[in-house]
């Protein structure tokens, strides 16, 4: 069997020792024999992918159960029902229109800002770069990057207020603005 599956002998030994217990646990977690079979098979495939590294694992049983646990978690996340947003959380069409129009003003404001401000805002807020990654790339400490980003956001808020005449409502959301002429 080892020859056909391509699995190292240490994996096959560990699998024979723990397969039944692992299947029982997966069956209890999933509530379905078919799902338990699928999860068990995926656990075995992940173990095979380790090849010779599997033999270096000190506690094969714990490793197999940890992999299975993560697979169960991933499965439950995929099966979690998606609930629609409540009316209170959904944006009104007018708010969406305002946000779309404001998006046209933002690039102009960013162009006029100091290079260091527009750079950190583009990377962290618009492109989704982690602040720690930005700090490392820029030779800054994480605290310095966070501080720089907060100051840049404040200056952006001020510029948007001046250039686009953005006003916020009592809850801090954009309520209205007048886009500046190009």
N, C-alpha and C. Protein backbone atom coordinates (compact mmCIF):
# COMPACT_ATOMS: atom_id res chain seq x y z
N UNK A 1 0.82 -1.19 0.00
CA UNK A 1 0.00 0.00 0.00
C UNK A 1 0.87 1.26 0.00
N UNK A 2 1.99 1.22 0.68
CA UNK A 2 2.88 2.37 0.76
C UNK A 2 3.40 2.73 -0.63
N UNK A 3 3.73 1.73 -1.40
CA UNK A 3 4.27 1.95 -2.73
C UNK A 3 3.25 2.67 -3.62
N UNK A 4 1.98 2.23 -3.58
CA UNK A 4 0.95 2.79 -4.43
C UNK A 4 0.58 4.21 -4.03
N UNK A 5 0.41 4.46 -2.75
CA UNK A 5 -0.06 5.77 -2.31
C UNK A 5 1.05 6.81 -2.32
N UNK A 6 2.29 6.38 -2.33
CA UNK A 6 3.39 7.32 -2.28
C UNK A 6 3.62 7.89 -0.89
N UNK A 7 2.93 7.36 0.10
CA UNK A 7 3.05 7.85 1.47
C UNK A 7 4.23 7.16 2.15
N UNK A 8 4.98 7.90 2.96
CA UNK A 8 6.09 7.29 3.69
C UNK A 8 5.55 6.28 4.71
N UNK A 9 6.34 5.27 5.05
CA UNK A 9 5.88 4.25 6.01
C UNK A 9 5.47 4.83 7.36
N UNK A 10 6.15 5.88 7.83
CA UNK A 10 5.80 6.48 9.12
C UNK A 10 4.38 7.05 9.08
N UNK A 11 3.97 7.60 7.94
CA UNK A 11 2.61 8.12 7.80
C UNK A 11 1.61 6.97 7.82
N UNK A 12 1.92 5.93 7.08
CA UNK A 12 0.99 4.80 7.03
C UNK A 12 0.80 4.17 8.41
N UNK A 13 1.86 4.10 9.18
CA UNK A 13 1.76 3.55 10.54
C UNK A 13 0.90 4.46 11.41
N UNK A 14 1.17 5.75 11.37
CA UNK A 14 0.39 6.70 12.16
C UNK A 14 -1.07 6.68 11.71
N UNK A 15 -1.29 6.59 10.41
CA UNK A 15 -2.66 6.60 9.90
C UNK A 15 -3.43 5.37 10.38
N UNK A 16 -2.80 4.23 10.32
CA UNK A 16 -3.45 3.00 10.78
C UNK A 16 -3.78 3.07 12.27
N UNK A 17 -2.92 3.72 13.04
CA UNK A 17 -3.15 3.85 14.48
C UNK A 17 -4.29 4.80 14.82
N UNK A 18 -4.48 5.85 14.03
CA UNK A 18 -5.38 6.93 14.43
C UNK A 18 -6.59 7.15 13.51
N UNK A 19 -6.65 6.45 12.39
CA UNK A 19 -7.72 6.67 11.42
C UNK A 19 -9.10 6.48 12.03
N UNK A 20 -9.30 5.39 12.76
CA UNK A 20 -10.62 5.08 13.31
C UNK A 20 -11.06 6.16 14.32
N UNK A 21 -10.15 6.54 15.21
CA UNK A 21 -10.46 7.56 16.21
C UNK A 21 -10.73 8.91 15.53
N UNK A 22 -9.95 9.23 14.54
CA UNK A 22 -10.11 10.48 13.81
C UNK A 22 -11.46 10.51 13.08
N UNK A 23 -11.82 9.38 12.46
CA UNK A 23 -13.11 9.31 11.77
C UNK A 23 -14.26 9.50 12.77
N UNK A 24 -14.17 8.90 13.92
CA UNK A 24 -15.22 9.05 14.94
C UNK A 24 -15.36 10.51 15.38
N UNK A 25 -14.24 11.17 15.55
CA UNK A 25 -14.29 12.58 15.95
C UNK A 25 -14.88 13.44 14.84
N UNK A 26 -14.46 13.18 13.60
CA UNK A 26 -14.99 13.94 12.47
C UNK A 26 -16.49 13.70 12.28
N UNK A 27 -16.92 12.47 12.52
CA UNK A 27 -18.35 12.15 12.41
C UNK A 27 -19.14 12.92 13.46
N UNK A 28 -18.60 12.99 14.66
CA UNK A 28 -19.26 13.74 15.73
C UNK A 28 -19.31 15.23 15.39
N UNK A 29 -18.23 15.77 14.83
CA UNK A 29 -18.17 17.19 14.50
C UNK A 29 -19.08 17.56 13.34
N UNK A 30 -19.11 16.71 12.32
CA UNK A 30 -19.85 17.05 11.10
C UNK A 30 -21.30 16.57 11.14
N UNK A 31 -21.55 15.48 11.87
CA UNK A 31 -22.91 14.95 11.93
C UNK A 31 -23.32 14.19 10.69
N UNK A 32 -22.40 13.97 9.77
CA UNK A 32 -22.73 13.30 8.51
C UNK A 32 -21.61 12.33 8.14
N UNK A 33 -21.95 11.07 7.89
CA UNK A 33 -20.91 10.11 7.46
C UNK A 33 -20.20 10.55 6.17
N UNK A 34 -20.96 11.12 5.24
CA UNK A 34 -20.34 11.56 3.97
C UNK A 34 -19.36 12.71 4.22
N UNK A 35 -19.76 13.67 5.05
CA UNK A 35 -18.86 14.78 5.37
C UNK A 35 -17.64 14.29 6.14
N UNK A 36 -17.86 13.36 7.06
CA UNK A 36 -16.74 12.81 7.83
C UNK A 36 -15.76 12.10 6.90
N UNK A 37 -16.28 11.35 5.93
CA UNK A 37 -15.42 10.68 4.95
C UNK A 37 -14.60 11.70 4.16
N UNK A 38 -15.27 12.77 3.70
CA UNK A 38 -14.57 13.80 2.93
C UNK A 38 -13.48 14.48 3.76
N UNK A 39 -13.81 14.81 4.99
CA UNK A 39 -12.83 15.46 5.87
C UNK A 39 -11.67 14.53 6.20
N UNK A 40 -11.97 13.26 6.40
CA UNK A 40 -10.92 12.28 6.68
C UNK A 40 -9.98 12.15 5.48
N UNK A 41 -10.57 12.09 4.30
CA UNK A 41 -9.75 11.98 3.09
C UNK A 41 -8.88 13.22 2.91
N UNK A 42 -9.44 14.40 3.15
CA UNK A 42 -8.65 15.63 3.00
C UNK A 42 -7.52 15.68 4.04
N UNK A 43 -7.79 15.19 5.24
CA UNK A 43 -6.75 15.12 6.27
C UNK A 43 -5.61 14.23 5.80
N UNK A 44 -5.96 13.08 5.23
CA UNK A 44 -4.95 12.13 4.74
C UNK A 44 -4.15 12.76 3.59
N UNK A 45 -4.84 13.46 2.69
CA UNK A 45 -4.13 14.10 1.57
C UNK A 45 -3.15 15.15 2.07
N UNK A 46 -3.55 15.90 3.08
CA UNK A 46 -2.63 16.92 3.62
C UNK A 46 -1.42 16.26 4.28
N UNK A 47 -1.65 15.11 4.90
CA UNK A 47 -0.53 14.38 5.51
C UNK A 47 0.41 13.86 4.43
N UNK A 48 -0.15 13.34 3.34
CA UNK A 48 0.68 12.83 2.24
C UNK A 48 1.52 13.96 1.64
N UNK A 49 0.95 15.14 1.54
CA UNK A 49 1.69 16.27 0.97
C UNK A 49 2.93 16.62 1.80
N UNK A 50 2.94 16.22 3.05
CA UNK A 50 4.10 16.49 3.90
C UNK A 50 5.29 15.61 3.51
N UNK A 51 5.00 14.48 2.87
CA UNK A 51 6.02 13.51 2.46
C UNK A 51 6.94 13.16 3.63
N UNK A 52 8.24 13.27 3.44
CA UNK A 52 9.20 12.89 4.48
C UNK A 52 9.14 13.76 5.71
N UNK A 53 8.63 14.99 5.59
CA UNK A 53 8.54 15.87 6.75
C UNK A 53 7.58 15.31 7.79
N UNK A 54 6.63 14.48 7.36
CA UNK A 54 5.68 13.91 8.31
C UNK A 54 6.42 13.07 9.35
N UNK A 55 7.47 12.39 8.94
CA UNK A 55 8.22 11.52 9.85
C UNK A 55 8.90 12.32 10.97
N UNK A 56 9.15 13.60 10.74
CA UNK A 56 9.80 14.43 11.75
C UNK A 56 8.81 14.99 12.77
N UNK A 57 7.52 14.81 12.54
CA UNK A 57 6.51 15.32 13.47
C UNK A 57 6.56 14.49 14.74
N UNK A 58 6.71 15.17 15.89
CA UNK A 58 6.84 14.45 17.16
C UNK A 58 5.57 13.71 17.55
N UNK A 59 4.43 14.37 17.42
CA UNK A 59 3.16 13.77 17.83
C UNK A 59 2.23 13.74 16.62
N UNK A 60 2.29 12.63 15.88
CA UNK A 60 1.52 12.49 14.65
C UNK A 60 0.02 12.58 14.93
N UNK A 61 -0.43 12.01 16.03
CA UNK A 61 -1.85 12.03 16.36
C UNK A 61 -2.33 13.48 16.54
N UNK A 62 -1.58 14.27 17.29
CA UNK A 62 -1.95 15.66 17.53
C UNK A 62 -1.95 16.44 16.21
N UNK A 63 -0.98 16.17 15.34
CA UNK A 63 -0.91 16.86 14.06
C UNK A 63 -2.13 16.52 13.21
N UNK A 64 -2.48 15.24 13.14
CA UNK A 64 -3.64 14.82 12.35
C UNK A 64 -4.93 15.45 12.87
N UNK A 65 -5.10 15.48 14.18
CA UNK A 65 -6.30 16.07 14.75
C UNK A 65 -6.33 17.59 14.54
N UNK A 66 -5.18 18.23 14.58
CA UNK A 66 -5.13 19.67 14.36
C UNK A 66 -5.52 20.00 12.92
N UNK A 67 -5.01 19.24 11.97
CA UNK A 67 -5.37 19.43 10.56
C UNK A 67 -6.87 19.20 10.39
N UNK A 68 -7.39 18.13 10.98
CA UNK A 68 -8.82 17.83 10.88
C UNK A 68 -9.66 18.94 11.51
N UNK A 69 -9.21 19.47 12.63
CA UNK A 69 -9.94 20.54 13.30
C UNK A 69 -10.03 21.78 12.40
N UNK A 70 -8.93 22.11 11.76
CA UNK A 70 -8.94 23.27 10.84
C UNK A 70 -9.86 23.01 9.65
N UNK A 71 -9.90 21.80 9.16
CA UNK A 71 -10.79 21.48 8.05
C UNK A 71 -12.25 21.61 8.48
N UNK A 72 -12.57 21.18 9.69
CA UNK A 72 -13.94 21.31 10.22
C UNK A 72 -14.31 22.79 10.32
N UNK A 73 -13.39 23.60 10.82
CA UNK A 73 -13.64 25.04 10.95
C UNK A 73 -13.87 25.66 9.57
N UNK A 74 -13.02 25.34 8.61
CA UNK A 74 -13.17 25.87 7.26
C UNK A 74 -14.51 25.47 6.66
N UNK A 75 -14.90 24.22 6.87
CA UNK A 75 -16.18 23.72 6.35
C UNK A 75 -17.35 24.48 6.97
N UNK A 76 -17.29 24.70 8.27
CA UNK A 76 -18.40 25.40 8.92
C UNK A 76 -18.48 26.85 8.46
N UNK A 77 -17.35 27.45 8.15
CA UNK A 77 -17.36 28.83 7.64
C UNK A 77 -18.00 28.88 6.25
N UNK A 78 -17.67 27.89 5.42
CA UNK A 78 -18.26 27.86 4.07
C UNK A 78 -19.76 27.62 4.12
N UNK A 79 -20.23 26.88 5.09
CA UNK A 79 -21.65 26.53 5.18
C UNK A 79 -22.46 27.54 5.96
N UNK A 80 -21.80 28.50 6.59
CA UNK A 80 -22.50 29.50 7.39
C UNK A 80 -23.43 30.30 6.49
N UNK A 81 -24.69 30.43 6.88
CA UNK A 81 -25.62 31.17 6.03
C UNK A 81 -25.27 32.66 6.01
N UNK A 82 -25.50 33.26 4.86
CA UNK A 82 -25.27 34.69 4.71
C UNK A 82 -26.60 35.39 4.99
N UNK A 83 -26.58 36.32 5.91
CA UNK A 83 -27.79 37.06 6.26
C UNK A 83 -27.77 38.42 5.59
N UNK A 84 -28.90 38.87 5.11
CA UNK A 84 -28.93 40.19 4.50
C UNK A 84 -28.76 41.27 5.57
N UNK A 85 -28.23 42.41 5.16
CA UNK A 85 -28.08 43.54 6.08
C UNK A 85 -29.45 44.07 6.45
N UNK A 86 -29.55 44.53 7.68
CA UNK A 86 -30.81 45.14 8.09
C UNK A 86 -30.96 46.47 7.37
N UNK A 87 -32.18 46.99 7.34
CA UNK A 87 -32.44 48.27 6.68
C UNK A 87 -31.61 49.38 7.29
N UNK A 88 -31.35 49.29 8.59
CA UNK A 88 -30.57 50.33 9.26
C UNK A 88 -29.13 50.35 8.80
N UNK A 89 -28.60 49.16 8.46
CA UNK A 89 -27.20 49.08 8.05
C UNK A 89 -27.01 49.29 6.56
N UNK A 90 -28.01 48.98 5.79
CA UNK A 90 -27.88 49.16 4.34
C UNK A 90 -27.85 50.64 4.00
N UNK A 91 -27.01 51.02 3.06
CA UNK A 91 -26.91 52.42 2.68
C UNK A 91 -28.10 52.81 1.81
N UNK A 92 -28.59 53.99 2.02
CA UNK A 92 -29.65 54.53 1.17
C UNK A 92 -29.03 54.87 -0.18
N UNK A 93 -29.83 54.87 -1.23
CA UNK A 93 -29.32 55.16 -2.57
C UNK A 93 -28.65 56.52 -2.63
N UNK A 94 -29.19 57.50 -1.93
CA UNK A 94 -28.58 58.83 -1.92
C UNK A 94 -27.17 58.81 -1.36
N UNK A 95 -26.96 58.01 -0.32
CA UNK A 95 -25.63 57.89 0.26
C UNK A 95 -24.67 57.24 -0.73
N UNK A 96 -25.16 56.24 -1.46
CA UNK A 96 -24.32 55.58 -2.47
C UNK A 96 -23.92 56.56 -3.56
N UNK A 97 -24.86 57.36 -4.00
CA UNK A 97 -24.56 58.36 -5.03
C UNK A 97 -23.53 59.35 -4.53
N UNK A 98 -23.67 59.78 -3.27
CA UNK A 98 -22.72 60.73 -2.69
C UNK A 98 -21.33 60.11 -2.62
N UNK A 99 -21.25 58.86 -2.24
CA UNK A 99 -19.95 58.18 -2.15
C UNK A 99 -19.34 58.05 -3.53
N UNK A 100 -20.15 57.70 -4.55
CA UNK A 100 -19.63 57.59 -5.92
C UNK A 100 -19.08 58.93 -6.40
N UNK A 101 -19.80 60.01 -6.14
CA UNK A 101 -19.35 61.33 -6.56
C UNK A 101 -18.10 61.75 -5.80
N UNK A 102 -18.06 61.43 -4.52
CA UNK A 102 -16.91 61.78 -3.70
C UNK A 102 -15.66 61.05 -4.19
N UNK A 103 -15.84 59.85 -4.72
CA UNK A 103 -14.70 59.08 -5.23
C UNK A 103 -13.97 59.84 -6.33
N UNK A 104 -14.68 60.68 -7.07
CA UNK A 104 -14.04 61.49 -8.11
C UNK A 104 -13.20 62.61 -7.53
N UNK A 105 -13.55 63.07 -6.35
CA UNK A 105 -12.82 64.18 -5.72
C UNK A 105 -11.55 63.68 -5.02
N UNK A 106 -11.59 62.48 -4.52
CA UNK A 106 -10.48 61.93 -3.73
C UNK A 106 -9.15 61.92 -4.49
N UNK A 107 -9.09 61.43 -5.73
CA UNK A 107 -7.79 61.43 -6.42
C UNK A 107 -7.19 62.82 -6.58
N UNK A 108 -8.03 63.81 -6.85
CA UNK A 108 -7.52 65.18 -6.98
C UNK A 108 -6.92 65.67 -5.66
N UNK A 109 -7.59 65.37 -4.56
CA UNK A 109 -7.10 65.80 -3.25
C UNK A 109 -5.79 65.08 -2.92
N UNK A 110 -5.73 63.78 -3.21
CA UNK A 110 -4.50 63.03 -2.92
C UNK A 110 -3.32 63.57 -3.72
N UNK A 111 -3.56 64.00 -4.96
CA UNK A 111 -2.48 64.55 -5.78
C UNK A 111 -1.90 65.82 -5.18
N UNK A 112 -2.73 66.60 -4.52
CA UNK A 112 -2.28 67.87 -3.96
C UNK A 112 -1.63 67.73 -2.59
N UNK A 113 -1.80 66.58 -1.96
CA UNK A 113 -1.24 66.38 -0.61
C UNK A 113 0.25 66.11 -0.68
N UNK A 114 0.91 66.24 0.45
CA UNK A 114 2.34 65.92 0.53
C UNK A 114 2.53 64.47 0.11
N UNK A 115 3.65 64.21 -0.55
CA UNK A 115 3.93 62.87 -1.08
C UNK A 115 3.87 61.81 0.02
N UNK A 116 4.43 62.09 1.20
CA UNK A 116 4.44 61.10 2.28
C UNK A 116 3.02 60.78 2.74
N UNK A 117 2.15 61.79 2.77
CA UNK A 117 0.76 61.56 3.18
C UNK A 117 0.01 60.74 2.13
N UNK A 118 0.11 61.16 0.86
CA UNK A 118 -0.64 60.44 -0.17
C UNK A 118 -0.13 59.01 -0.32
N UNK A 119 1.17 58.81 -0.13
CA UNK A 119 1.75 57.48 -0.27
C UNK A 119 1.20 56.53 0.80
N UNK A 120 1.22 56.94 2.06
CA UNK A 120 0.75 56.04 3.13
C UNK A 120 -0.76 55.82 3.01
N UNK A 121 -1.51 56.83 2.61
CA UNK A 121 -2.95 56.68 2.43
C UNK A 121 -3.26 55.71 1.29
N UNK A 122 -2.53 55.85 0.18
CA UNK A 122 -2.75 54.94 -0.95
C UNK A 122 -2.44 53.50 -0.57
N UNK A 123 -1.27 53.31 0.04
CA UNK A 123 -0.85 51.94 0.38
C UNK A 123 -1.75 51.31 1.43
N UNK A 124 -1.96 51.99 2.54
CA UNK A 124 -2.66 51.38 3.69
C UNK A 124 -4.17 51.43 3.57
N UNK A 125 -4.72 52.55 3.11
CA UNK A 125 -6.17 52.68 3.09
C UNK A 125 -6.80 52.25 1.77
N UNK A 126 -6.16 52.55 0.67
CA UNK A 126 -6.76 52.23 -0.62
C UNK A 126 -6.35 50.86 -1.15
N UNK A 127 -5.11 50.47 -0.93
CA UNK A 127 -4.62 49.19 -1.44
C UNK A 127 -4.67 48.08 -0.39
N UNK A 128 -4.92 48.44 0.86
CA UNK A 128 -5.07 47.43 1.90
C UNK A 128 -3.78 46.86 2.48
N UNK A 129 -2.68 47.54 2.28
CA UNK A 129 -1.41 47.07 2.85
C UNK A 129 -1.48 47.16 4.38
N UNK A 130 -0.95 46.17 5.06
CA UNK A 130 -0.90 46.19 6.52
C UNK A 130 0.08 47.28 6.97
N UNK A 131 -0.26 47.92 8.07
CA UNK A 131 0.58 49.00 8.58
C UNK A 131 1.98 48.49 8.93
N UNK A 132 2.06 47.26 9.44
CA UNK A 132 3.37 46.69 9.78
C UNK A 132 4.22 46.50 8.53
N UNK A 133 3.59 46.09 7.43
CA UNK A 133 4.33 45.92 6.17
C UNK A 133 4.80 47.27 5.64
N UNK A 134 3.93 48.27 5.72
CA UNK A 134 4.31 49.61 5.28
C UNK A 134 5.49 50.12 6.12
N UNK A 135 5.41 49.89 7.42
CA UNK A 135 6.50 50.33 8.31
C UNK A 135 7.82 49.67 7.91
N UNK A 136 7.78 48.37 7.67
CA UNK A 136 9.01 47.65 7.30
C UNK A 136 9.56 48.16 5.98
N UNK A 137 8.70 48.36 4.99
CA UNK A 137 9.14 48.84 3.67
C UNK A 137 9.70 50.26 3.73
N UNK A 138 9.16 51.05 4.65
CA UNK A 138 9.56 52.46 4.73
C UNK A 138 10.64 52.72 5.76
N UNK A 139 11.09 51.70 6.46
CA UNK A 139 12.12 51.88 7.47
C UNK A 139 11.60 52.59 8.72
N UNK A 140 10.33 52.38 9.03
CA UNK A 140 9.72 53.02 10.20
C UNK A 140 9.39 51.96 11.25
N UNK A 141 9.22 52.41 12.48
CA UNK A 141 8.67 51.51 13.48
C UNK A 141 7.17 51.44 13.24
N UNK A 142 6.53 50.41 13.77
CA UNK A 142 5.08 50.28 13.61
C UNK A 142 4.37 51.47 14.24
N UNK A 143 4.83 51.90 15.41
CA UNK A 143 4.20 53.05 16.07
C UNK A 143 4.31 54.30 15.22
N UNK A 144 5.46 54.50 14.58
CA UNK A 144 5.66 55.68 13.73
C UNK A 144 4.74 55.62 12.51
N UNK A 145 4.60 54.43 11.92
CA UNK A 145 3.72 54.29 10.76
C UNK A 145 2.27 54.56 11.14
N UNK A 146 1.84 54.04 12.29
CA UNK A 146 0.46 54.27 12.74
C UNK A 146 0.22 55.77 12.98
N UNK A 147 1.17 56.41 13.60
CA UNK A 147 1.06 57.83 13.88
C UNK A 147 1.02 58.63 12.58
N UNK A 148 1.89 58.27 11.63
CA UNK A 148 1.93 58.96 10.35
C UNK A 148 0.60 58.79 9.60
N UNK A 149 0.04 57.59 9.66
CA UNK A 149 -1.24 57.32 8.98
C UNK A 149 -2.37 58.12 9.60
N UNK A 150 -2.41 58.20 10.92
CA UNK A 150 -3.45 58.98 11.59
C UNK A 150 -3.36 60.46 11.20
N UNK A 151 -2.15 60.99 11.18
CA UNK A 151 -1.98 62.40 10.81
C UNK A 151 -2.36 62.62 9.35
N UNK A 152 -2.00 61.68 8.48
CA UNK A 152 -2.34 61.80 7.06
C UNK A 152 -3.86 61.74 6.87
N UNK A 153 -4.52 60.88 7.60
CA UNK A 153 -5.98 60.80 7.52
C UNK A 153 -6.63 62.12 7.98
N UNK A 154 -6.08 62.69 9.02
CA UNK A 154 -6.62 63.96 9.51
C UNK A 154 -6.44 65.06 8.47
N UNK A 155 -5.26 65.11 7.85
CA UNK A 155 -5.02 66.12 6.81
C UNK A 155 -5.91 65.86 5.59
N UNK A 156 -6.14 64.59 5.26
CA UNK A 156 -7.05 64.25 4.15
C UNK A 156 -8.46 64.73 4.46
N UNK A 157 -8.90 64.50 5.66
CA UNK A 157 -10.24 64.94 6.08
C UNK A 157 -10.36 66.46 5.93
N UNK A 158 -9.32 67.18 6.36
CA UNK A 158 -9.34 68.64 6.24
C UNK A 158 -9.36 69.09 4.78
N UNK A 159 -8.54 68.43 3.95
CA UNK A 159 -8.50 68.79 2.53
C UNK A 159 -9.82 68.48 1.83
N UNK A 160 -10.42 67.34 2.15
CA UNK A 160 -11.71 67.00 1.54
C UNK A 160 -12.75 68.03 1.95
N UNK A 161 -12.68 68.48 3.19
CA UNK A 161 -13.63 69.47 3.68
C UNK A 161 -13.45 70.79 2.92
N UNK A 162 -12.20 71.16 2.65
CA UNK A 162 -11.94 72.41 1.93
C UNK A 162 -12.21 72.29 0.44
N UNK A 163 -11.58 71.30 -0.20
CA UNK A 163 -11.65 71.19 -1.66
C UNK A 163 -13.00 70.70 -2.16
N UNK A 164 -13.61 69.77 -1.47
CA UNK A 164 -14.87 69.18 -1.94
C UNK A 164 -16.05 69.63 -1.08
N UNK A 165 -15.77 70.44 -0.10
CA UNK A 165 -16.78 70.94 0.83
C UNK A 165 -17.58 69.79 1.43
N UNK A 166 -16.86 68.77 1.88
CA UNK A 166 -17.48 67.60 2.50
C UNK A 166 -17.96 67.98 3.89
N UNK A 167 -19.18 67.55 4.21
CA UNK A 167 -19.72 67.75 5.56
C UNK A 167 -20.14 66.39 6.09
N UNK A 168 -19.97 66.24 7.38
CA UNK A 168 -20.34 64.99 8.05
C UNK A 168 -21.59 65.20 8.87
N UNK A 169 -22.41 64.15 9.00
CA UNK A 169 -23.58 64.25 9.86
C UNK A 169 -23.18 63.98 11.30
N UNK A 170 -24.13 63.93 12.21
CA UNK A 170 -23.84 63.77 13.63
C UNK A 170 -23.17 62.43 13.96
N UNK A 171 -23.35 61.43 13.09
CA UNK A 171 -22.72 60.13 13.35
C UNK A 171 -21.38 59.99 12.63
N UNK A 172 -20.90 61.06 11.99
CA UNK A 172 -19.58 61.03 11.37
C UNK A 172 -19.58 60.52 9.94
N UNK A 173 -20.74 60.32 9.33
CA UNK A 173 -20.81 59.87 7.94
C UNK A 173 -20.93 61.06 7.01
N UNK A 174 -20.44 60.86 5.78
CA UNK A 174 -20.55 61.91 4.78
C UNK A 174 -22.03 62.14 4.49
N UNK A 175 -22.48 63.36 4.65
CA UNK A 175 -23.89 63.64 4.35
C UNK A 175 -24.03 64.42 3.06
N UNK A 176 -23.09 65.30 2.79
CA UNK A 176 -23.20 66.08 1.57
C UNK A 176 -21.87 66.75 1.26
N UNK A 177 -21.71 67.11 0.01
CA UNK A 177 -20.51 67.82 -0.40
C UNK A 177 -20.76 68.45 -1.76
N UNK A 178 -19.89 69.37 -2.10
CA UNK A 178 -19.95 70.02 -3.41
C UNK A 178 -18.61 69.75 -4.09
N UNK A 179 -18.61 68.92 -5.13
CA UNK A 179 -17.34 68.63 -5.78
C UNK A 179 -16.72 69.88 -6.38
N UNK A 180 -15.43 70.00 -6.21
CA UNK A 180 -14.72 71.15 -6.78
C UNK A 180 -14.63 70.98 -8.29
N UNK A 181 -14.62 72.09 -8.99
CA UNK A 181 -14.49 72.05 -10.45
C UNK A 181 -13.03 71.76 -10.77
N UNK A 182 -12.81 70.94 -11.77
CA UNK A 182 -11.44 70.55 -12.14
C UNK A 182 -10.63 71.71 -12.60
